[in-house]
PDB file of N, CA and C in Angstrom:
ATOM      1  N   MET A   1     -27.213 110.928  67.271  1.00  0.00           N
ATOM      2  CA  MET A   1     -26.264 111.874  68.382  1.00  0.00           C
ATOM      3  C   MET A   1     -25.708 113.214  68.093  1.00  0.00           C
ATOM      4  N   THR A   2     -26.406 114.380  69.394  1.00  0.00           N
ATOM      5  CA  THR A   2     -25.782 115.580  68.816  1.00  0.00           C
ATOM      6  C   THR A   2     -24.308 115.683  69.629  1.00  0.00           C
ATOM      7  N   LYS A   3     -23.573 116.597  69.343  1.00  0.00           N
ATOM      8  CA  LYS A   3     -22.216 117.183  70.133  1.00  0.00           C
ATOM      9  C   LYS A   3     -22.165 117.446  71.505  1.00  0.00           C
ATOM     10  N   ALA A   4     -23.586 118.068  71.784  1.00  0.00           N
ATOM     11  CA  ALA A   4     -24.066 118.519  72.829  1.00  0.00           C
ATOM     12  C   ALA A   4     -24.262 116.830  73.638  1.00  0.00           C
ATOM     13  N   ASP A   5     -25.193 115.762  73.792  1.00  0.00           N
ATOM     14  CA  ASP A   5     -25.294 114.703  73.789  1.00  0.00           C
ATOM     15  C   ASP A   5     -23.666 114.048  74.642  1.00  0.00           C
ATOM     16  N   LEU A   6     -23.170 114.069  72.998  1.00  0.00           N
ATOM     17  CA  LEU A   6     -21.443 113.237  73.403  1.00  0.00           C
ATOM     18  C   LEU A   6     -20.548 113.652  74.478  1.00  0.00           C
ATOM     19  N   LEU A   7     -20.902 115.258  74.380  1.00  0.00           N
ATOM     20  CA  LEU A   7     -20.081 116.088  75.835  1.00  0.00           C
ATOM     21  C   LEU A   7     -21.029 115.434  77.059  1.00  0.00           C
ATOM     22  N   ALA A   8     -22.159 115.223  77.037  1.00  0.00           N
ATOM     23  CA  ALA A   8     -22.190 115.630  78.340  1.00  0.00           C
ATOM     24  C   ALA A   8     -22.226 114.020  78.305  1.00  0.00           C
ATOM     25  N   ALA A   9     -22.228 113.246  78.221  1.00  0.00           N
ATOM     26  CA  ALA A   9     -21.683 111.986  78.514  1.00  0.00           C
ATOM     27  C   ALA A   9     -20.404 112.145  79.247  1.00  0.00           C
ATOM     28  N   LEU A  10     -19.081 112.779  78.093  1.00  0.00           N
ATOM     29  CA  LEU A  10     -18.059 112.574  78.772  1.00  0.00           C
ATOM     30  C   LEU A  10     -17.779 113.891  80.077  1.00  0.00           C
ATOM     31  N   ASP A  11     -19.295 114.787  80.513  1.00  0.00           N
ATOM     32  CA  ASP A  11     -18.824 114.968  81.463  1.00  0.00           C
ATOM     33  C   ASP A  11     -19.179 114.342  82.525  1.00  0.00           C
ATOM     34  N   ALA A  12     -20.330 114.096  82.594  1.00  0.00           N
ATOM     35  CA  ALA A  12     -20.527 112.473  83.295  1.00  0.00           C
ATOM     36  C   ALA A  12     -19.415 111.562  83.714  1.00  0.00           C
ATOM     37  N   ALA A  13     -18.657 110.796  82.466  1.00  0.00           N
ATOM     38  CA  ALA A  13     -17.986 110.100  83.065  1.00  0.00           C
ATOM     39  C   ALA A  13     -16.532 110.390  83.436  1.00  0.00           C
ATOM     40  N   GLU A  14     -16.162 111.557  83.346  1.00  0.00           N
ATOM     41  CA  GLU A  14     -15.479 112.529  83.904  1.00  0.00           C
ATOM     42  C   GLU A  14     -15.479 112.749  85.064  1.00  0.00           C
ATOM     43  N   ALA A  15     -16.510 112.984  85.757  1.00  0.00           N
ATOM     44  CA  ALA A  15     -17.303 113.517  87.063  1.00  0.00           C
ATOM     45  C   ALA A  15     -17.914 111.781  87.744  1.00  0.00           C
ATOM     46  N   GLY A  16     -17.233 111.011  87.189  1.00  0.00           N
ATOM     47  CA  GLY A  16     -17.637 109.480  87.872  1.00  0.00           C
ATOM     48  C   GLY A  16     -18.922 108.932  87.923  1.00  0.00           C
ATOM     49  N   ARG A  17     -19.665 109.704  87.076  1.00  0.00           N
ATOM     50  CA  ARG A  17     -21.493 109.142  86.895  1.00  0.00           C
ATOM     51  C   ARG A  17     -21.593 108.248  85.914  1.00  0.00           C
ATOM     52  N   TRP A  18     -20.785 107.359  85.786  1.00  0.00           N
ATOM     53  CA  TRP A  18     -20.757 106.018  84.664  1.00  0.00           C
ATOM     54  C   TRP A  18     -21.989 105.993  83.914  1.00  0.00           C
ATOM     55  N   ASP A  19     -22.727 105.628  84.940  1.00  0.00           N
ATOM     56  CA  ASP A  19     -24.236 105.107  85.038  1.00  0.00           C
ATOM     57  C   ASP A  19     -25.292 105.855  83.347  1.00  0.00           C
ATOM     58  N   GLU A  20     -24.509 107.436  84.394  1.00  0.00           N
ATOM     59  CA  GLU A  20     -25.669 108.144  83.236  1.00  0.00           C
ATOM     60  C   GLU A  20     -24.667 108.463  82.094  1.00  0.00           C
ATOM     61  N   ALA A  21     -23.336 108.411  81.894  1.00  0.00           N
ATOM     62  CA  ALA A  21     -22.587 108.316  80.191  1.00  0.00           C
ATOM     63  C   ALA A  21     -23.142 107.015  79.915  1.00  0.00           C
ATOM     64  N   HIS A  22     -23.350 105.887  80.692  1.00  0.00           N
ATOM     65  CA  HIS A  22     -23.760 104.710  79.696  1.00  0.00           C
ATOM     66  C   HIS A  22     -25.311 105.345  79.290  1.00  0.00           C
ATOM     67  N   GLY A  23     -25.837 105.594  80.212  1.00  0.00           N
ATOM     68  CA  GLY A  23     -27.550 105.923  79.598  1.00  0.00           C
ATOM     69  C   GLY A  23     -27.613 106.932  78.155  1.00  0.00           C
ATOM     70  N   ILE A  24     -26.441 107.742  78.157  1.00  0.00           N
ATOM     71  CA  ILE A  24     -26.533 108.483  76.674  1.00  0.00           C
ATOM     72  C   ILE A  24     -26.019 107.773  76.510  1.00  0.00           C
ATOM     73  N   VAL A  25     -24.841 107.280  75.959  1.00  0.00           N
ATOM     74  CA  VAL A  25     -24.231 106.366  74.514  1.00  0.00           C
ATOM     75  C   VAL A  25     -24.811 105.496  74.343  1.00  0.00           C
ATOM     76  N   GLN A  26     -26.083 104.826  75.313  1.00  0.00           N
ATOM     77  CA  GLN A  26     -26.733 103.247  74.552  1.00  0.00           C
ATOM     78  C   GLN A  26     -27.766 104.266  73.849  1.00  0.00           C
ATOM     79  N   GLU A  27     -27.925 105.773  73.333  1.00  0.00           N
ATOM     80  CA  GLU A  27     -28.864 106.405  73.096  1.00  0.00           C
ATOM     81  C   GLU A  27     -29.266 105.794  71.424  1.00  0.00           C
ATOM     82  N   ASP A  28     -27.476 105.761  71.132  1.00  0.00           N
ATOM     83  CA  ASP A  28     -27.347 105.268  69.617  1.00  0.00           C
ATOM     84  C   ASP A  28     -26.090 104.966  69.206  1.00  0.00           C
ATOM     85  N   GLU A  29     -25.752 103.505  69.100  1.00  0.00           N
ATOM     86  CA  GLU A  29     -25.249 102.520  69.356  1.00  0.00           C
ATOM     87  C   GLU A  29     -24.749 102.732  67.682  1.00  0.00           C
ATOM     88  N   ALA A  30     -24.873 103.143  66.904  1.00  0.00           N
ATOM     89  CA  ALA A  30     -24.539 103.249  65.429  1.00  0.00           C
ATOM     90  C   ALA A  30     -23.553 104.704  65.815  1.00  0.00           C
ATOM     91  N   ASP A  31     -23.169 105.399  66.433  1.00  0.00           N
ATOM     92  CA  ASP A  31     -22.631 106.855  66.327  1.00  0.00           C
ATOM     93  C   ASP A  31     -21.015 106.432  66.676  1.00  0.00           C
ATOM     94  N   THR A  32     -19.957 106.396  66.118  1.00  0.00           N
ATOM     95  CA  THR A  32     -18.973 105.669  66.743  1.00  0.00           C
ATOM     96  C   THR A  32     -18.230 106.689  67.350  1.00  0.00           C
ATOM     97  N   THR A  33     -18.300 107.570  67.489  1.00  0.00           N
ATOM     98  CA  THR A  33     -18.011 108.793  69.092  1.00  0.00           C
ATOM     99  C   THR A  33     -18.611 107.915  69.966  1.00  0.00           C
ATOM    100  N   ALA A  34     -19.968 107.696  70.517  1.00  0.00           N
ATOM    101  CA  ALA A  34     -20.832 107.691  70.810  1.00  0.00           C
ATOM    102  C   ALA A  34     -20.349 105.987  71.606  1.00  0.00           C
ATOM    103  N   CYS A  35     -19.826 105.138  70.391  1.00  0.00           N
ATOM    104  CA  CYS A  35     -19.018 103.635  70.698  1.00  0.00           C
ATOM    105  C   CYS A  35     -18.174 103.900  71.652  1.00  0.00           C
ATOM    106  N   TRP A  36     -16.827 104.717  70.885  1.00  0.00           N
ATOM    107  CA  TRP A  36     -15.941 105.042  72.176  1.00  0.00           C
ATOM    108  C   TRP A  36     -16.133 105.211  72.969  1.00  0.00           C
ATOM    109  N   ILE A  37     -17.053 106.289  73.611  1.00  0.00           N
ATOM    110  CA  ILE A  37     -17.223 106.611  75.063  1.00  0.00           C
ATOM    111  C   ILE A  37     -17.636 105.381  75.584  1.00  0.00           C
ATOM    112  N   HIS A  38     -18.342 104.305  74.945  1.00  0.00           N
ATOM    113  CA  HIS A  38     -18.943 103.081  75.453  1.00  0.00           C
ATOM    114  C   HIS A  38     -18.101 102.366  75.925  1.00  0.00           C
ATOM    115  N   ALA A  39     -16.984 102.380  75.273  1.00  0.00           N
ATOM    116  CA  ALA A  39     -15.597 101.178  75.039  1.00  0.00           C
ATOM    117  C   ALA A  39     -14.891 101.668  76.522  1.00  0.00           C
ATOM    118  N   VAL A  40     -14.945 103.217  76.245  1.00  0.00           N
ATOM    119  CA  VAL A  40     -13.996 103.920  78.048  1.00  0.00           C
ATOM    120  C   VAL A  40     -14.499 103.482  78.947  1.00  0.00           C
ATOM    121  N   LEU A  41     -16.407 103.439  78.731  1.00  0.00           N
ATOM    122  CA  LEU A  41     -16.854 103.046  80.306  1.00  0.00           C
ATOM    123  C   LEU A  41     -16.699 101.627  80.365  1.00  0.00           C
ATOM    124  N   HIS A  42     -16.813 100.415  79.529  1.00  0.00           N
ATOM    125  CA  HIS A  42     -16.754  99.404  79.776  1.00  0.00           C
ATOM    126  C   HIS A  42     -14.885  99.172  80.774  1.00  0.00           C
ATOM    127  N   ALA A  43     -13.922  99.888  80.141  1.00  0.00           N
ATOM    128  CA  ALA A  43     -12.691 100.137  80.620  1.00  0.00           C
ATOM    129  C   ALA A  43     -12.290 100.227  82.183  1.00  0.00           C
ATOM    130  N   ILE A  44     -13.189 100.978  82.296  1.00  0.00           N
ATOM    131  CA  ILE A  44     -12.771 101.744  84.212  1.00  0.00           C
ATOM    132  C   ILE A  44     -13.637 100.278  84.902  1.00  0.00           C
ATOM    133  N   GLU A  45     -14.849 100.515  84.050  1.00  0.00           N
ATOM    134  CA  GLU A  45     -15.616  99.502  85.091  1.00  0.00           C
ATOM    135  C   GLU A  45     -14.621  97.647  84.818  1.00  0.00           C
ATOM    136  N   GLY A  46     -13.433  97.270  83.917  1.00  0.00           N
ATOM    137  CA  GLY A  46     -13.096  96.726  84.129  1.00  0.00           C
ATOM    138  C   GLY A  46     -12.900  95.088  83.231  1.00  0.00           C
ATOM    139  N   ASP A  47     -13.761  95.423  82.364  1.00  0.00           N
ATOM    140  CA  ASP A  47     -15.228  94.458  81.515  1.00  0.00           C
ATOM    141  C   ASP A  47     -13.670  94.708  80.215  1.00  0.00           C
ATOM    142  N   ARG A  48     -12.941  94.607  79.915  1.00  0.00           N
ATOM    143  CA  ARG A  48     -12.210  94.544  79.037  1.00  0.00           C
ATOM    144  C   ARG A  48     -12.302  94.325  77.381  1.00  0.00           C
ATOM    145  N   GLY A  49     -13.187  92.592  77.806  1.00  0.00           N
ATOM    146  CA  GLY A  49     -13.588  92.267  76.322  1.00  0.00           C
ATOM    147  C   GLY A  49     -14.352  93.166  76.376  1.00  0.00           C
ATOM    148  N   ASN A  50     -15.931  93.778  76.370  1.00  0.00           N
ATOM    149  CA  ASN A  50     -16.194  94.344  76.010  1.00  0.00           C
ATOM    150  C   ASN A  50     -16.031  95.542  75.523  1.00  0.00           C
ATOM    151  N   ALA A  51     -15.071  96.204  75.699  1.00  0.00           N
ATOM    152  CA  ALA A  51     -14.158  97.435  76.253  1.00  0.00           C
ATOM    153  C   ALA A  51     -13.642  96.957  74.507  1.00  0.00           C
ATOM    154  N   ARG A  52     -12.976  96.219  74.244  1.00  0.00           N
ATOM    155  CA  ARG A  52     -12.771  95.620  73.707  1.00  0.00           C
ATOM    156  C   ARG A  52     -13.573  95.670  72.051  1.00  0.00           C
ATOM    157  N   TYR A  53     -14.770  95.190  72.414  1.00  0.00           N
ATOM    158  CA  TYR A  53     -15.930  95.381  71.617  1.00  0.00           C
ATOM    159  C   TYR A  53     -16.402  96.417  70.593  1.00  0.00           C
ATOM    160  N   TRP A  54     -16.478  97.449  71.766  1.00  0.00           N
ATOM    161  CA  TRP A  54     -16.954  99.078  71.642  1.00  0.00           C
ATOM    162  C   TRP A  54     -15.526  99.951  71.065  1.00  0.00           C
ATOM    163  N   PHE A  55     -14.173  99.560  71.582  1.00  0.00           N
ATOM    164  CA  PHE A  55     -13.568 100.446  70.434  1.00  0.00           C
ATOM    165  C   PHE A  55     -13.292  99.593  69.284  1.00  0.00           C
ATOM    166  N   ALA A  56     -14.023  98.444  69.060  1.00  0.00           N
ATOM    167  CA  ALA A  56     -13.890  97.659  67.873  1.00  0.00           C
ATOM    168  C   ALA A  56     -14.533  98.246  66.900  1.00  0.00           C
ATOM    169  N   LYS A  57     -16.057  98.861  67.584  1.00  0.00           N
ATOM    170  CA  LYS A  57     -17.408  99.260  66.970  1.00  0.00           C
ATOM    171  C   LYS A  57     -17.231 100.353  66.180  1.00  0.00           C
ATOM    172  N   ALA A  58     -16.298 101.018  67.157  1.00  0.00           N
ATOM    173  CA  ALA A  58     -15.791 102.587  66.913  1.00  0.00           C
ATOM    174  C   ALA A  58     -14.840 102.796  66.359  1.00  0.00           C
ATOM    175  N   GLY A  59     -14.009 101.495  65.793  1.00  0.00           N
ATOM    176  CA  GLY A  59     -12.688 102.041  64.619  1.00  0.00           C
ATOM    177  C   GLY A  59     -11.672 102.098  65.160  1.00  0.00           C
ATOM    178  N   LYS A  60     -11.719 102.197  66.601  1.00  0.00           N
ATOM    179  CA  LYS A  60     -10.319 102.374  67.470  1.00  0.00           C
ATOM    180  C   LYS A  60     -10.191 101.852  68.596  1.00  0.00           C
ATOM    181  N   LEU A  61     -10.014 100.254  67.523  1.00  0.00           N
ATOM    182  CA  LEU A  61      -9.266  98.976  68.290  1.00  0.00           C
ATOM    183  C   LEU A  61      -8.107  98.869  69.151  1.00  0.00           C
ATOM    184  N   ALA A  62      -6.971  99.456  68.256  1.00  0.00           N
ATOM    185  CA  ALA A  62      -6.120 100.226  68.617  1.00  0.00           C
ATOM    186  C   ALA A  62      -5.483 100.787  69.861  1.00  0.00           C
ATOM    187  N   ARG A  63      -6.448 101.282  70.173  1.00  0.00           N
ATOM    188  CA  ARG A  63      -6.155 102.331  70.941  1.00  0.00           C
ATOM    189  C   ARG A  63      -7.058 101.679  72.641  1.00  0.00           C
ATOM    190  N   ALA A  64      -7.618 100.425  72.328  1.00  0.00           N
ATOM    191  CA  ALA A  64      -7.982  99.738  73.482  1.00  0.00           C
ATOM    192  C   ALA A  64      -7.185  99.434  74.990  1.00  0.00           C
ATOM    193  N   GLU A  65      -5.820  99.493  74.510  1.00  0.00           N
ATOM    194  CA  GLU A  65      -5.002  98.918  75.772  1.00  0.00           C
ATOM    195  C   GLU A  65      -4.452 100.887  75.972  1.00  0.00           C
ATOM    196  N   ASN A  66      -4.938 101.900  75.798  1.00  0.00           N
ATOM    197  CA  ASN A  66      -4.769 103.216  76.247  1.00  0.00           C
ATOM    198  C   ASN A  66      -5.817 103.399  78.334  1.00  0.00           C
ATOM    199  N   ASP A  67      -5.035 104.012  79.020  1.00  0.00           N
ATOM    200  CA  ASP A  67      -5.584 104.753  80.149  1.00  0.00           C
ATOM    201  C   ASP A  67      -7.002 105.429  80.162  1.00  0.00           C
ATOM    202  N   PRO A  68      -7.829 105.151  80.524  1.00  0.00           N
ATOM    203  CA  PRO A  68      -9.270 105.826  80.339  1.00  0.00           C
ATOM    204  C   PRO A  68      -9.167 107.317  79.975  1.00  0.00           C
ATOM    205  N   PRO A  69      -8.119 107.748  81.214  1.00  0.00           N
ATOM    206  CA  PRO A  69      -8.633 109.511  81.421  1.00  0.00           C
ATOM    207  C   PRO A  69      -7.684 109.534  79.755  1.00  0.00           C
ATOM    208  N   THR A  70      -6.573 109.015  79.370  1.00  0.00           N
ATOM    209  CA  THR A  70      -6.099 109.003  78.172  1.00  0.00           C
ATOM    210  C   THR A  70      -7.364 109.473  77.135  1.00  0.00           C
ATOM    211  N   GLU A  71      -8.236 108.701  76.925  1.00  0.00           N
ATOM    212  CA  GLU A  71      -9.164 107.970  76.002  1.00  0.00           C
ATOM    213  C   GLU A  71     -10.632 109.280  76.491  1.00  0.00           C
ATOM    214  N   LEU A  72     -10.532 109.540  77.600  1.00  0.00           N
ATOM    215  CA  LEU A  72     -12.012 110.593  77.271  1.00  0.00           C
ATOM    216  C   LEU A  72     -11.300 112.296  77.202  1.00  0.00           C
ATOM    217  N   ALA A  73     -10.257 112.432  77.417  1.00  0.00           N
ATOM    218  CA  ALA A  73      -8.922 113.929  76.568  1.00  0.00           C
ATOM    219  C   ALA A  73      -9.150 113.979  75.101  1.00  0.00           C
ATOM    220  N   ALA A  74      -9.191 112.267  74.287  1.00  0.00           N
ATOM    221  CA  ALA A  74      -8.475 112.458  72.884  1.00  0.00           C
ATOM    222  C   ALA A  74     -10.196 112.752  72.424  1.00  0.00           C
ATOM    223  N   ILE A  75     -11.034 111.680  73.000  1.00  0.00           N
ATOM    224  CA  ILE A  75     -12.568 112.207  72.672  1.00  0.00           C
ATOM    225  C   ILE A  75     -12.738 113.112  72.324  1.00  0.00           C
ATOM    226  N   ARG A  76     -12.707 114.001  73.805  1.00  0.00           N
ATOM    227  CA  ARG A  76     -12.747 115.479  73.832  1.00  0.00           C
ATOM    228  C   ARG A  76     -12.192 116.054  72.630  1.00  0.00           C
ATOM    229  N   ALA A  77     -11.298 116.149  72.536  1.00  0.00           N
ATOM    230  CA  ALA A  77     -10.369 116.790  71.621  1.00  0.00           C
ATOM    231  C   ALA A  77     -10.556 116.655  70.143  1.00  0.00           C
ATOM    232  N   ALA A  78     -11.439 115.302  69.766  1.00  0.00           N
ATOM    233  CA  ALA A  78     -11.805 114.741  68.955  1.00  0.00           C
ATOM    234  C   ALA A  78     -12.899 115.717  68.828  1.00  0.00           C
ATOM    235  N   LEU A  79     -13.898 115.798  69.225  1.00  0.00           N
ATOM    236  CA  LEU A  79     -15.073 116.932  69.262  1.00  0.00           C
ATOM    237  C   LEU A  79     -15.214 117.869  69.064  1.00  0.00           C
ATOM    238  N   ALA A  80     -14.061 118.853  69.757  1.00  0.00           N
ATOM    239  CA  ALA A  80     -13.326 120.269  69.218  1.00  0.00           C
ATOM    240  C   ALA A  80     -13.322 120.703  68.227  1.00  0.00           C
ATOM    241  N   THR A  81     -13.044 119.586  66.917  1.00  0.00           N
ATOM    242  CA  THR A  81     -12.569 119.910  65.446  1.00  0.00           C
ATOM    243  C   THR A  81     -14.016 120.056  64.941  1.00  0.00           C
TER     244      THR A  81
END
């Protein structure tokens, strides 16, 4: 998954286009950043169990209780480095 793909997924998620964002991140379930975004999308949907699965897969389980806007900002910051 390219950085551009991940940023497109973030843009879609922040704009409330969760289905679009979900479609992007599902393209590469091995990419840890895609998994992190995927986790946040499930948190937004209220599916905490599925969100925790994706947080764990991303290696970010400790972040599972953070609010989605905080997580999206953290992902964007991580991609900026």
